[in-house]
Protein backbone atom coordinates (compact mmCIF):
# COMPACT_ATOMS: atom_id res chain seq x y z
CA UNK A 1 15.69 22.38 7.90
CA UNK A 2 13.08 23.64 6.51
CA UNK A 3 11.72 20.86 4.55
CA UNK A 4 11.53 18.87 7.97
CA UNK A 5 9.43 21.99 9.60
CA UNK A 6 7.19 21.32 6.31
CA UNK A 7 6.46 17.63 7.28
CA UNK A 8 6.72 18.17 11.01
CA UNK A 9 3.72 20.72 10.59
CA UNK A 10 1.62 18.68 7.91
CA UNK A 11 1.94 15.46 10.42
CA UNK A 12 0.75 17.94 13.53
CA UNK A 13 -2.41 19.20 11.13
CA UNK A 14 -3.43 15.68 10.40
CA UNK A 15 -3.25 14.89 14.16
CA UNK A 16 -5.71 17.62 15.08
CA UNK A 17 -8.22 17.46 12.67
CA UNK A 18 -10.51 16.55 15.79
CA UNK A 19 -9.57 19.49 17.63
CA UNK A 20 -11.93 22.84 17.81
CA UNK A 21 -9.18 25.49 17.48
CA UNK A 22 -8.42 25.98 13.54
CA UNK A 23 -5.00 26.89 12.99
CA UNK A 24 -4.50 29.72 10.32
CA UNK A 25 -1.84 28.28 7.87
CA UNK A 26 -0.84 32.02 6.67
CA UNK A 27 1.09 31.78 10.25
CA UNK A 28 3.49 29.40 9.06
CA UNK A 29 4.53 31.12 6.03
CA UNK A 30 7.86 32.02 6.95
CA UNK A 31 8.71 28.55 8.02
CA UNK A 32 7.79 27.26 4.58
CA UNK A 33 6.90 29.87 2.08
CA UNK A 34 10.20 28.94 -0.01
CA UNK A 35 9.44 25.13 -0.19
CA UNK A 36 9.72 23.36 -3.43
CA UNK A 37 7.12 20.56 -3.98
CA UNK A 38 8.76 17.09 -4.79
CA UNK A 39 7.79 13.79 -6.09
CA UNK A 40 6.48 10.44 -4.11
CA UNK A 41 6.01 7.32 -5.94
CA UNK A 42 4.45 3.95 -4.43
CA UNK A 43 4.37 1.40 -7.37
CA UNK A 44 3.36 -2.07 -6.85
CA UNK A 45 3.27 -5.26 -8.92
CA UNK A 46 0.79 -7.42 -7.99
CA UNK A 47 1.85 -10.92 -9.08
CA UNK A 48 -1.52 -12.98 -8.60
CA UNK A 49 -2.99 -10.08 -10.65
CA UNK A 50 -0.61 -8.37 -12.84
CA UNK A 51 -3.22 -6.33 -14.78
CA UNK A 52 -3.98 -4.46 -11.22
CA UNK A 53 -0.63 -3.22 -10.52
CA UNK A 54 -0.35 -0.08 -10.21
CA UNK A 55 2.18 2.88 -9.47
CA UNK A 56 0.98 6.24 -7.65
CA UNK A 57 2.74 9.48 -8.31
CA UNK A 58 1.99 12.65 -6.19
CA UNK A 59 3.49 15.88 -5.56
CA UNK A 60 3.91 17.06 -1.84
CA UNK A 61 2.19 20.27 -0.83
CA UNK A 62 2.09 22.67 1.89
CA UNK A 63 -0.67 23.97 3.85
CA UNK A 64 -0.65 27.14 2.21
CA UNK A 65 -1.31 25.67 -1.34
CA UNK A 66 -4.81 27.30 -1.83
CA UNK A 67 -5.02 25.44 -5.10
CA UNK A 68 -5.20 22.08 -2.92
CA UNK A 69 -6.59 23.44 0.43
CA UNK A 70 -9.19 25.66 -1.07
CA UNK A 71 -11.67 25.77 1.85
CA UNK A 72 -14.53 24.59 -0.20
CA UNK A 73 -16.98 21.94 -0.10
CA UNK A 74 -16.24 20.99 -3.46
CA UNK A 75 -18.42 17.80 -3.60
CA UNK A 76 -21.12 18.90 -1.68
CA UNK A 77 -21.23 16.58 1.15
CA UNK A 78 -20.70 19.42 3.75
CA UNK A 79 -17.08 18.62 4.11
CA UNK A 80 -14.14 20.81 3.43
CA UNK A 81 -10.94 19.70 1.70
CA UNK A 82 -11.56 15.82 2.20
CA UNK A 83 -9.14 13.45 0.78
CA UNK A 84 -11.27 12.63 -2.15
CA UNK A 85 -11.23 16.08 -3.12
CA UNK A 86 -7.77 16.91 -2.33
CA UNK A 87 -6.22 13.67 -3.86
CA UNK A 88 -6.68 14.16 -7.40
CA UNK A 89 -5.35 17.52 -7.04
CA UNK A 90 -2.17 15.97 -5.85
CA UNK A 91 -1.39 13.34 -8.56
CA UNK A 92 1.33 13.85 -11.22
CA UNK A 93 -0.48 13.04 -14.60
CA UNK A 94 2.35 14.00 -16.84
CA UNK A 95 4.29 11.17 -16.34
CA UNK A 96 5.52 8.26 -18.77
CA UNK A 97 5.55 4.71 -16.91
CA UNK A 98 7.00 1.92 -18.25
CA UNK A 99 8.09 -1.45 -16.03
CA UNK A 100 11.25 -3.67 -17.74
CA UNK A 101 11.42 -7.35 -17.00
CA UNK A 102 15.43 -7.46 -16.61
CA UNK A 103 15.56 -11.32 -17.06
CA UNK A 104 13.53 -11.48 -20.43
CA UNK A 105 13.64 -7.72 -21.45
CA UNK A 106 9.63 -7.37 -21.79
CA UNK A 107 8.24 -4.34 -21.38
CA UNK A 108 5.18 -3.06 -19.63
CA UNK A 109 3.48 0.28 -20.60
CA UNK A 110 1.49 1.94 -17.93
CA UNK A 111 -1.12 4.88 -18.80
CA UNK A 112 -2.78 6.97 -16.42
CA UNK A 113 -6.45 6.36 -15.17
CA UNK A 114 -8.43 8.56 -12.67
CA UNK A 115 -9.87 5.57 -10.70
CA UNK A 116 -6.81 3.43 -10.93
CA UNK A 117 -7.69 2.49 -7.12
CA UNK A 118 -9.58 3.00 -3.76
CA UNK A 119 -8.52 3.49 -0.28
CA UNK A 120 -10.99 1.21 1.82
CA UNK A 121 -11.17 1.61 5.39
CA UNK A 122 -13.69 2.06 8.43
CA UNK A 123 -14.88 5.57 9.87
CA UNK A 124 -15.21 6.46 13.44
CA UNK A 125 -18.37 4.89 13.39
CA UNK A 126 -17.33 1.61 12.10
CA UNK A 127 -18.78 2.21 8.54
CA UNK A 128 -17.06 1.34 5.48
CA UNK A 129 -15.71 4.18 3.60
CA UNK A 130 -13.66 4.03 0.27
CA UNK A 131 -11.61 6.96 -1.53
CA UNK A 132 -10.98 6.52 -5.28
CA UNK A 133 -7.44 8.17 -6.27
CA UNK A 134 -5.75 7.91 -9.67
CA UNK A 135 -2.64 6.27 -10.75
CA UNK A 136 -1.10 4.37 -13.81
CA UNK A 137 -1.95 0.82 -14.90
CA UNK A 138 -0.70 -1.42 -17.31
CA UNK A 139 -1.74 -0.25 -20.62
CA UNK A 140 -2.81 -4.13 -21.57
CA UNK A 141 -4.69 -6.63 -19.55
CA UNK A 142 -2.74 -9.33 -20.84
CA UNK A 143 0.22 -8.97 -18.39
CA UNK A 144 2.06 -11.77 -17.11
CA UNK A 145 4.64 -11.47 -13.80
CA UNK A 146 7.87 -14.07 -13.74
CA UNK A 147 8.59 -15.52 -10.24
CA UNK A 148 11.95 -14.72 -8.98
CA UNK A 149 12.57 -12.18 -11.94
CA UNK A 150 13.92 -8.63 -11.32
CA UNK A 151 11.81 -5.45 -12.51
CA UNK A 152 13.18 -2.29 -13.55
CA UNK A 153 10.36 0.56 -13.14
CA UNK A 154 11.47 3.70 -15.15
CA UNK A 155 8.91 6.92 -14.89
CA UNK A 156 10.13 10.09 -16.32
CA UNK A 157 7.54 13.19 -15.30
CA UNK A 158 7.25 16.16 -17.48
CA UNK A 159 6.12 18.68 -15.08
CA UNK A 160 9.30 18.00 -12.70
CA UNK A 161 11.64 17.26 -15.60
CA UNK A 162 12.99 13.95 -13.56
CA UNK A 163 13.54 10.39 -14.49
CA UNK A 164 13.30 8.01 -11.50
CA UNK A 165 14.12 4.54 -11.44
CA UNK A 166 14.11 1.38 -8.82
CA UNK A 167 14.36 -2.32 -9.33
CA UNK A 168 12.49 -4.81 -6.96
CA UNK A 169 11.90 -8.61 -7.37
CA UNK A 170 8.89 -10.95 -7.74
CA UNK A 171 8.14 -13.54 -5.31
CA UNK A 172 5.43 -16.47 -5.38
CA UNK A 173 2.50 -16.21 -2.85
CA UNK A 174 2.74 -17.90 0.72
CA UNK A 175 1.78 -21.32 1.92
CA UNK A 176 -0.79 -21.99 4.54
CA UNK A 177 0.37 -24.61 6.69
CA UNK A 178 -0.53 -25.09 10.50
CA UNK A 179 -1.03 -28.10 12.88
CA UNK A 180 -3.89 -26.75 14.33
CA UNK A 181 -6.21 -27.01 11.11
CA UNK A 182 -7.01 -29.57 8.78
CA UNK A 183 -6.32 -27.38 5.91
CA UNK A 184 -8.33 -28.56 2.57
CA UNK A 185 -7.57 -26.81 -0.60
CA UNK A 186 -8.15 -23.20 0.78
CA UNK A 187 -10.46 -23.85 3.14
CA UNK A 188 -10.72 -24.63 7.13
CA UNK A 189 -13.23 -25.00 9.50
CA UNK A 190 -13.03 -23.67 13.56
CA UNK A 191 -15.45 -23.35 16.57
CA UNK A 192 -16.91 -20.15 17.49
CA UNK A 193 -15.30 -20.74 21.20
CA UNK A 194 -11.58 -21.82 19.25
CA UNK A 195 -8.51 -19.66 19.99
CA UNK A 196 -6.40 -20.53 17.33
CA UNK A 197 -3.75 -19.36 15.03
CA UNK A 198 -3.07 -20.16 11.38
CA UNK A 199 0.27 -20.00 9.88
CA UNK A 200 1.89 -19.36 6.29
CA UNK A 201 4.88 -20.05 4.88
CA UNK A 202 6.92 -17.94 2.19
CA UNK A 203 10.45 -17.39 0.36
CA UNK A 204 13.01 -16.56 3.16
CA UNK A 205 13.79 -12.84 1.47
CA UNK A 206 10.08 -12.23 2.33
CA UNK A 207 9.87 -10.49 5.77
CA UNK A 208 6.91 -8.69 5.60
CA UNK A 209 3.01 -9.17 4.73
CA UNK A 210 -0.20 -7.14 4.10
CA UNK A 211 -3.39 -9.21 5.85
CA UNK A 212 -6.98 -8.27 4.69
CA UNK A 213 -10.00 -9.89 6.40
CA UNK A 214 -13.28 -10.03 4.70
CA UNK A 215 -16.72 -11.57 5.22
CA UNK A 216 -18.10 -13.61 2.43
CA UNK A 217 -22.01 -13.62 1.79
CA UNK A 218 -24.30 -14.26 -0.82
CA UNK A 219 -24.11 -10.57 -2.31
CA UNK A 220 -20.67 -10.41 -2.25
CA UNK A 221 -17.57 -9.54 0.61
CA UNK A 222 -17.31 -7.16 3.09
CA UNK A 223 -14.71 -5.26 4.31
CA UNK A 224 -13.68 -6.02 7.75
CA UNK A 225 -10.29 -4.63 8.38
CA UNK A 226 -6.68 -4.88 7.31
CA UNK A 227 -2.99 -4.59 8.70
CA UNK A 228 0.41 -5.29 8.39
CA UNK A 229 2.38 -8.17 9.80
CA UNK A 230 6.05 -8.81 10.04
CA UNK A 231 7.57 -12.39 9.79
CA UNK A 232 7.63 -13.96 13.15
CA UNK A 233 11.30 -14.80 14.64
CA UNK A 234 10.00 -16.97 17.13
CA UNK A 235 9.16 -19.56 14.29
CA UNK A 236 12.35 -19.03 12.19
CA UNK A 237 13.51 -22.49 14.47
CA UNK A 238 10.62 -24.66 12.99
CA UNK A 239 11.19 -23.17 9.42
CA UNK A 240 14.94 -22.61 8.82
CA UNK A 241 14.57 -22.41 5.24
CA UNK A 242 11.82 -20.03 5.22
CA UNK A 243 10.12 -16.74 6.61
CA UNK A 244 6.56 -17.60 8.63
CA UNK A 245 3.91 -15.41 9.33
CA UNK A 246 0.77 -15.98 11.84
CA UNK A 247 -2.28 -14.79 12.75
CA UNK A 248 -4.44 -15.64 16.06
CA UNK A 249 -8.33 -16.15 15.32
CA UNK A 250 -10.59 -15.87 18.13
CA UNK A 251 -13.56 -13.88 18.73
CA UNK A 252 -15.12 -14.05 15.84
CA UNK A 253 -18.93 -14.44 15.39
CA UNK A 254 -20.60 -17.92 14.64
CA UNK A 255 -21.79 -18.88 11.59
CA UNK A 256 -19.85 -16.56 9.16
CA UNK A 257 -17.00 -17.21 6.79
CA UNK A 258 -14.03 -15.10 6.81
CA UNK A 259 -11.85 -14.65 3.93
CA UNK A 260 -8.31 -13.97 4.72
CA UNK A 261 -6.06 -12.54 2.17
CA UNK A 262 -2.43 -12.84 2.35
CA UNK A 263 -0.13 -10.48 0.61
CA UNK A 264 3.85 -11.62 0.36
CA UNK A 265 5.67 -8.57 0.17
CA UNK A 266 8.66 -7.77 -1.82
CA UNK A 267 11.92 -6.88 0.85
CA UNK A 268 11.82 -3.16 -0.63
CA UNK A 269 8.24 -3.14 0.44
CA UNK A 270 8.97 -4.52 3.84
CA UNK A 271 11.47 -2.34 4.45
CA UNK A 272 9.20 0.86 3.11
CA UNK A 273 6.27 -0.21 5.26
CA UNK A 274 7.97 -1.03 8.61
CA UNK A 275 11.04 1.18 8.70
CA UNK A 276 11.39 4.17 11.11
CA UNK A 277 13.73 5.95 9.06
CA UNK A 278 12.53 8.98 7.20
CA UNK A 279 10.52 8.75 4.14
CA UNK A 280 13.66 10.21 1.62
CA UNK A 281 16.13 8.06 3.75
CA UNK A 282 18.16 6.21 1.06
CA UNK A 283 17.97 2.64 3.02
CA UNK A 284 14.15 3.11 3.07
CA UNK A 285 13.58 4.02 -0.56
CA UNK A 286 14.85 1.99 -3.42
CA UNK A 287 13.82 4.83 -5.97
CA UNK A 288 16.73 7.31 -7.17
CA UNK A 289 16.56 10.39 -10.00
CA UNK A 290 18.82 10.78 -12.84
CA UNK A 291 21.51 11.97 -10.22
CA UNK A 292 21.36 9.45 -8.19
CA UNK A 293 19.39 11.07 -5.59
CA UNK A 294 16.70 9.33 -3.27
CA UNK A 295 13.38 9.83 -4.09
CA UNK A 296 10.12 9.21 -1.81
CA UNK A 297 8.66 6.14 -1.81
CA UNK A 298 9.11 2.64 -3.20
CA UNK A 299 8.56 0.44 -5.85
CA UNK A 300 7.78 -3.02 -4.58
CA UNK A 301 5.84 -6.38 -5.74
CA UNK A 302 3.20 -8.38 -3.74
CA UNK A 303 1.72 -11.82 -4.41
CA UNK A 304 -1.83 -12.73 -2.75
CA UNK A 305 -3.72 -15.86 -1.45
CA UNK A 306 -6.59 -16.34 0.33
CA UNK A 307 -7.95 -18.75 2.39
CA UNK A 308 -11.75 -19.41 3.87
CA UNK A 309 -12.48 -19.81 7.36
CA UNK A 310 -15.70 -21.35 8.20
CA UNK A 311 -16.69 -20.01 11.76
CA UNK A 312 -19.20 -22.92 13.47
CA UNK A 313 -20.99 -22.89 16.81
C-alpha cells in the first residue's frame, strides 16, 4: 500500500509543478519513509540503426531523497532540480548488459555512456529543448539485428544484486502505401489545401507505432513533434493479413518539406506504452528478476522508416 502512495505522490507533484504553493516533502515522511528503491528498465533494439539500440536503467526515488532533490541550482540556469540535473543521479551505472540472438546465439555486449541519448520536446513557448540522459549502448558499431529473430536481454545490477531478463522479437519496418498519393520511392507531394491521409502497412504482430515529424532544411532537420499511434482496426478488412496505421495530413504551411518517420514497435513495446495497467503489472512488463518477479519497464524493438512530404501551393 505504501508503494502505491509513493507513486501517487510523485504523480501529483509532477502535475502541480506550475502551482505557486510549494509542498514540503518532509510532511509525507510517514507515508514513504521506509520505501526501498526499485529498478525501472527500458531497453529498445533499433532494427534500422542497431548501433543506436539503447538500454536505460533507472532507480526509483522518493521526494525526500535529498541526494536527488537537493534544492540547488546545479547547472546555474536559475532553475532547481530540473530533469537534466536529477536524471544523471537516478541512473544505475553498475550494471552489466548483454543481448543474445536466440536464433543464432550471437551476443551483443553493451556498455554505459553518460550521453547515450536525448529527450527531445517543445516547451510551453514552442522552443525545442533537448535533455541528455545516460544509458547502455552496444560496445561495437558493427551490430546487426535479424528480422523475426528473438532476442533476450540479461542485466545484472551490482547495486541491487539483481539479475533481470526479458525477450522480444525484431520486426521489419513499415511499407508506405496510399491511394491518395502517387508515392515515388520515399517521397510524396501534396497541395497546401489538401486534406489527405497516408497509410503504412506492417506485420500483423505489430500493433503500435511511434511517429516523428521534422522539417528538412538546408541546415538540417528541425524537430516539429512526435506521438504514438495504435494500428487502425477500421482498416483491417482492407488488409486482413497485416496491421495498418494512418496519419491525416492537413494544415501544414506551404513550401516546406516534412519528414515523417514511422517506427514499427514490437508487441512488447506496444503493450507497454498503450496499457493502462500499473507499470509493474506482469501483463505490461516482460521483464523478470531471478525469482520470476516482474520488474518495471520493458524490453522491446523498433524499426524506423521515413518518407518525405513536399507541401506545395
